[in-house]
Amino acid sequence: MAESLLHAYQRFGGIKQSEVPWIIWLLENPESPLALAGAIPLKEHDYLHLLLDRGKSPEDEAFIIGFTMGNDISLNQLHLWIFKWASRFLYPKNYRFTEHHYEIFDAGVKQGKQLQTKNLCRFDFSTVEGAPLEELRAVLKIDQIL
């Protein structure tokens, strides 16, 4: 039997919300008053790691953040500039982006824009947690860009 999104998430083992530095929460969490385009709850962010077949490396993180921002129809150049500046100069050292990460981030933005299904940052994944990953990739059209 194919692995469900929820089972894959339980195996994935992401970080807890309490472990997320405040500056990252400020820009990347939809509950923040200063959230940028693509802001997504942590669990759903991890779901995208799984749906896009990405791991936990800094490069994977750069891609997922870029993808999520690019997939949000409200994204504009100011959001990209703020994120790149903050991730370079304000984020804690272990979370900072380099030029290398920006290349991967930009590739994620491009791929997020290309995905036919838009605004995955606001998608209610709780309704599909039991579905197999491959089925979700097909329904959301992710399999067409992988």
C-alpha atoms as a PDB file:
ATOM      1  CA  MET A   1       0.000   0.000   0.000  1.00  0.00           C
ATOM      2  CA  ALA A   2       1.232   3.501  -0.853  1.00  0.00           C
ATOM      3  CA  GLU A   3       2.362   5.754   1.994  1.00  0.00           C
ATOM      4  CA  SER A   4      -0.090   8.445   3.090  1.00  0.00           C
ATOM      5  CA  LEU A   5       0.873  12.076   3.547  1.00  0.00           C
ATOM      6  CA  LEU A   6       0.327  11.851   7.312  1.00  0.00           C
ATOM      7  CA  HIS A   7       2.417   8.680   7.678  1.00  0.00           C
ATOM      8  CA  ALA A   8       5.245  10.207   5.643  1.00  0.00           C
ATOM      9  CA  TYR A   9       5.043  13.343   7.807  1.00  0.00           C
ATOM     10  CA  GLN A  10       5.284  11.300  11.023  1.00  0.00           C
ATOM     11  CA  ARG A  11       8.379   9.603   9.635  1.00  0.00           C
ATOM     12  CA  PHE A  12       9.820  12.927   8.378  1.00  0.00           C
ATOM     13  CA  GLY A  13      10.098  14.436  11.862  1.00  0.00           C
ATOM     14  CA  GLY A  14      10.372  18.174  11.328  1.00  0.00           C
ATOM     15  CA  ILE A  15      11.139  20.782  13.974  1.00  0.00           C
ATOM     16  CA  LYS A  16       8.599  22.071  16.486  1.00  0.00           C
ATOM     17  CA  GLN A  17       7.062  25.531  16.195  1.00  0.00           C
ATOM     18  CA  SER A  18       8.728  26.476  19.499  1.00  0.00           C
ATOM     19  CA  GLU A  19      12.133  25.843  17.871  1.00  0.00           C
ATOM     20  CA  VAL A  20      11.565  28.331  15.046  1.00  0.00           C
ATOM     21  CA  PRO A  21      13.498  31.594  15.630  1.00  0.00           C
ATOM     22  CA  TRP A  22      11.251  34.644  16.074  1.00  0.00           C
ATOM     23  CA  ILE A  23      12.470  36.442  12.938  1.00  0.00           C
ATOM     24  CA  ILE A  24      11.611  33.428  10.799  1.00  0.00           C
ATOM     25  CA  TRP A  25       8.188  33.206  12.443  1.00  0.00           C
ATOM     26  CA  LEU A  26       7.694  36.917  11.759  1.00  0.00           C
ATOM     27  CA  LEU A  27       8.185  36.578   8.000  1.00  0.00           C
ATOM     28  CA  GLU A  28       7.157  32.991   7.236  1.00  0.00           C
ATOM     29  CA  ASN A  29       4.205  32.225   9.536  1.00  0.00           C
ATOM     30  CA  PRO A  30       0.719  33.177   8.310  1.00  0.00           C
ATOM     31  CA  GLU A  31      -0.281  34.196  11.851  1.00  0.00           C
ATOM     32  CA  SER A  32       2.342  36.954  11.861  1.00  0.00           C
ATOM     33  CA  PRO A  33       1.225  40.500  11.040  1.00  0.00           C
ATOM     34  CA  LEU A  34       4.339  40.830   8.818  1.00  0.00           C
ATOM     35  CA  ALA A  35       4.052  37.513   6.977  1.00  0.00           C
ATOM     36  CA  LEU A  36       5.315  37.520   3.402  1.00  0.00           C
ATOM     37  CA  ALA A  37       3.667  35.844   0.417  1.00  0.00           C
ATOM     38  CA  GLY A  38       3.837  32.086   0.751  1.00  0.00           C
ATOM     39  CA  ALA A  39       3.678  32.114   4.550  1.00  0.00           C
ATOM     40  CA  ILE A  40       2.545  28.650   5.576  1.00  0.00           C
ATOM     41  CA  PRO A  41       2.039  26.791   8.850  1.00  0.00           C
ATOM     42  CA  LEU A  42       4.992  24.605   9.824  1.00  0.00           C
ATOM     43  CA  LYS A  43       3.199  21.269   9.413  1.00  0.00           C
ATOM     44  CA  GLU A  44       2.012  22.202   5.923  1.00  0.00           C
ATOM     45  CA  HIS A  45       5.515  23.449   5.107  1.00  0.00           C
ATOM     46  CA  ASP A  46       6.777  19.974   5.983  1.00  0.00           C
ATOM     47  CA  TYR A  47       4.014  18.463   3.851  1.00  0.00           C
ATOM     48  CA  LEU A  48       5.434  20.375   0.886  1.00  0.00           C
ATOM     49  CA  HIS A  49       8.880  18.912   1.601  1.00  0.00           C
ATOM     50  CA  LEU A  50       7.267  15.492   1.212  1.00  0.00           C
ATOM     51  CA  LEU A  51       5.090  16.307  -1.797  1.00  0.00           C
ATOM     52  CA  LEU A  52       8.057  17.848  -3.618  1.00  0.00           C
ATOM     53  CA  ASP A  53      10.302  14.948  -2.564  1.00  0.00           C
ATOM     54  CA  ARG A  54      12.739  17.180  -0.690  1.00  0.00           C
ATOM     55  CA  GLY A  55      14.772  16.471   2.426  1.00  0.00           C
ATOM     56  CA  LYS A  56      15.911  18.702   5.283  1.00  0.00           C
ATOM     57  CA  SER A  57      19.147  20.192   3.944  1.00  0.00           C
ATOM     58  CA  PRO A  58      19.587  23.986   3.766  1.00  0.00           C
ATOM     59  CA  GLU A  59      19.317  23.659  -0.018  1.00  0.00           C
ATOM     60  CA  ASP A  60      16.017  21.788   0.289  1.00  0.00           C
ATOM     61  CA  GLU A  61      14.766  24.449   2.688  1.00  0.00           C
ATOM     62  CA  ALA A  62      15.732  27.214   0.252  1.00  0.00           C
ATOM     63  CA  PHE A  63      13.864  25.441  -2.539  1.00  0.00           C
ATOM     64  CA  ILE A  64      10.704  24.848  -0.475  1.00  0.00           C
ATOM     65  CA  ILE A  65      10.534  28.453   0.740  1.00  0.00           C
ATOM     66  CA  GLY A  66      11.067  29.711  -2.807  1.00  0.00           C
ATOM     67  CA  PHE A  67       8.482  27.288  -4.178  1.00  0.00           C
ATOM     68  CA  THR A  68       5.884  28.301  -1.601  1.00  0.00           C
ATOM     69  CA  MET A  69       6.452  32.001  -2.244  1.00  0.00           C
ATOM     70  CA  GLY A  70       6.406  31.555  -6.017  1.00  0.00           C
ATOM     71  CA  ASN A  71       3.192  29.547  -5.839  1.00  0.00           C
ATOM     72  CA  ASP A  72       1.370  32.343  -3.961  1.00  0.00           C
ATOM     73  CA  ILE A  73      -0.418  34.626  -6.410  1.00  0.00           C
ATOM     74  CA  SER A  74       0.127  37.616  -4.094  1.00  0.00           C
ATOM     75  CA  LEU A  75       3.938  37.429  -4.468  1.00  0.00           C
ATOM     76  CA  ASN A  76       5.651  40.602  -5.624  1.00  0.00           C
ATOM     77  CA  GLN A  77       9.232  41.808  -5.990  1.00  0.00           C
ATOM     78  CA  LEU A  78       9.176  43.564  -2.613  1.00  0.00           C
ATOM     79  CA  HIS A  79       8.412  40.245  -0.863  1.00  0.00           C
ATOM     80  CA  LEU A  80      11.376  38.642  -2.603  1.00  0.00           C
ATOM     81  CA  TRP A  81      13.684  41.510  -1.713  1.00  0.00           C
ATOM     82  CA  ILE A  82      12.610  41.524   1.961  1.00  0.00           C
ATOM     83  CA  PHE A  83      13.004  37.774   2.262  1.00  0.00           C
ATOM     84  CA  LYS A  84      16.422  37.705   0.626  1.00  0.00           C
ATOM     85  CA  TRP A  85      17.684  40.598   2.732  1.00  0.00           C
ATOM     86  CA  ALA A  86      16.333  39.167   5.999  1.00  0.00           C
ATOM     87  CA  SER A  87      17.556  35.637   5.278  1.00  0.00           C
ATOM     88  CA  ARG A  88      21.015  37.010   4.546  1.00  0.00           C
ATOM     89  CA  PHE A  89      21.421  39.509   7.387  1.00  0.00           C
ATOM     90  CA  LEU A  90      18.759  38.974  10.078  1.00  0.00           C
ATOM     91  CA  TYR A  91      18.227  35.223  10.279  1.00  0.00           C
ATOM     92  CA  PRO A  92      20.247  33.319  12.887  1.00  0.00           C
ATOM     93  CA  LYS A  93      23.567  32.058  11.565  1.00  0.00           C
ATOM     94  CA  ASN A  94      22.408  28.440  11.058  1.00  0.00           C
ATOM     95  CA  TYR A  95      19.449  29.643   8.984  1.00  0.00           C
ATOM     96  CA  ARG A  96      21.160  32.291   6.839  1.00  0.00           C
ATOM     97  CA  PHE A  97      21.128  32.047   3.077  1.00  0.00           C
ATOM     98  CA  THR A  98      24.163  32.447   0.846  1.00  0.00           C
ATOM     99  CA  GLU A  99      24.337  33.219  -2.869  1.00  0.00           C
ATOM    100  CA  HIS A 100      24.268  29.450  -3.449  1.00  0.00           C
ATOM    101  CA  HIS A 101      21.003  29.201  -1.512  1.00  0.00           C
ATOM    102  CA  TYR A 102      19.533  32.106  -3.501  1.00  0.00           C
ATOM    103  CA  GLU A 103      20.087  30.226  -6.756  1.00  0.00           C
ATOM    104  CA  ILE A 104      18.124  27.280  -5.365  1.00  0.00           C
ATOM    105  CA  PHE A 105      15.517  29.604  -3.832  1.00  0.00           C
ATOM    106  CA  ASP A 106      15.043  31.326  -7.219  1.00  0.00           C
ATOM    107  CA  ALA A 107      14.619  27.913  -8.905  1.00  0.00           C
ATOM    108  CA  GLY A 108      11.950  27.126  -6.307  1.00  0.00           C
ATOM    109  CA  VAL A 109      10.167  30.428  -6.979  1.00  0.00           C
ATOM    110  CA  LYS A 110      10.170  29.668 -10.698  1.00  0.00           C
ATOM    111  CA  GLN A 111       8.827  26.152 -10.203  1.00  0.00           C
ATOM    112  CA  GLY A 112       6.170  27.370  -7.762  1.00  0.00           C
ATOM    113  CA  LYS A 113       4.951  29.886 -10.339  1.00  0.00           C
ATOM    114  CA  GLN A 114       4.793  27.143 -12.983  1.00  0.00           C
ATOM    115  CA  LEU A 115       2.608  24.849 -10.906  1.00  0.00           C
ATOM    116  CA  GLN A 116      -0.952  24.897 -12.176  1.00  0.00           C
ATOM    117  CA  THR A 117      -2.367  24.570  -8.638  1.00  0.00           C
ATOM    118  CA  LYS A 118      -1.910  27.933  -6.898  1.00  0.00           C
ATOM    119  CA  ASN A 119      -1.756  29.078  -3.268  1.00  0.00           C
ATOM    120  CA  LEU A 120      -0.724  25.775  -1.704  1.00  0.00           C
ATOM    121  CA  CYS A 121       0.218  27.883   1.337  1.00  0.00           C
ATOM    122  CA  ARG A 122      -3.521  28.192   2.015  1.00  0.00           C
ATOM    123  CA  PHE A 123      -4.552  24.667   1.010  1.00  0.00           C
ATOM    124  CA  ASP A 124      -6.352  22.654   3.714  1.00  0.00           C
ATOM    125  CA  PHE A 125      -4.121  19.596   3.863  1.00  0.00           C
ATOM    126  CA  SER A 126      -6.103  18.169   6.800  1.00  0.00           C
ATOM    127  CA  THR A 127      -8.685  16.966   4.275  1.00  0.00           C
ATOM    128  CA  VAL A 128      -6.142  14.831   2.392  1.00  0.00           C
ATOM    129  CA  GLU A 129      -3.741  13.585   5.076  1.00  0.00           C
ATOM    130  CA  GLY A 130      -4.840   9.982   4.518  1.00  0.00           C
ATOM    131  CA  ALA A 131      -4.272  10.086   0.768  1.00  0.00           C
ATOM    132  CA  PRO A 132      -1.194   8.479  -0.790  1.00  0.00           C
ATOM    133  CA  LEU A 133       1.617  10.891  -1.677  1.00  0.00           C
ATOM    134  CA  GLU A 134       1.611   9.830  -5.341  1.00  0.00           C
ATOM    135  CA  GLU A 135      -2.134  10.452  -5.621  1.00  0.00           C
ATOM    136  CA  LEU A 136      -1.789  13.913  -4.069  1.00  0.00           C
ATOM    137  CA  ARG A 137       1.073  14.786  -6.406  1.00  0.00           C
ATOM    138  CA  ALA A 138      -1.164  13.889  -9.348  1.00  0.00           C
ATOM    139  CA  VAL A 139      -4.246  15.736  -8.065  1.00  0.00           C
ATOM    140  CA  LEU A 140      -2.257  18.883  -7.241  1.00  0.00           C
ATOM    141  CA  LYS A 141      -0.381  18.581 -10.574  1.00  0.00           C
ATOM    142  CA  ILE A 142       2.961  18.395  -8.721  1.00  0.00           C
ATOM    143  CA  ASP A 143       3.893  15.243 -10.630  1.00  0.00           C
ATOM    144  CA  GLN A 144       3.971  17.363 -13.805  1.00  0.00           C
ATOM    145  CA  ILE A 145       6.835  19.531 -12.515  1.00  0.00           C
ATOM    146  CA  LEU A 146       8.912  16.949 -10.616  1.00  0.00           C
END
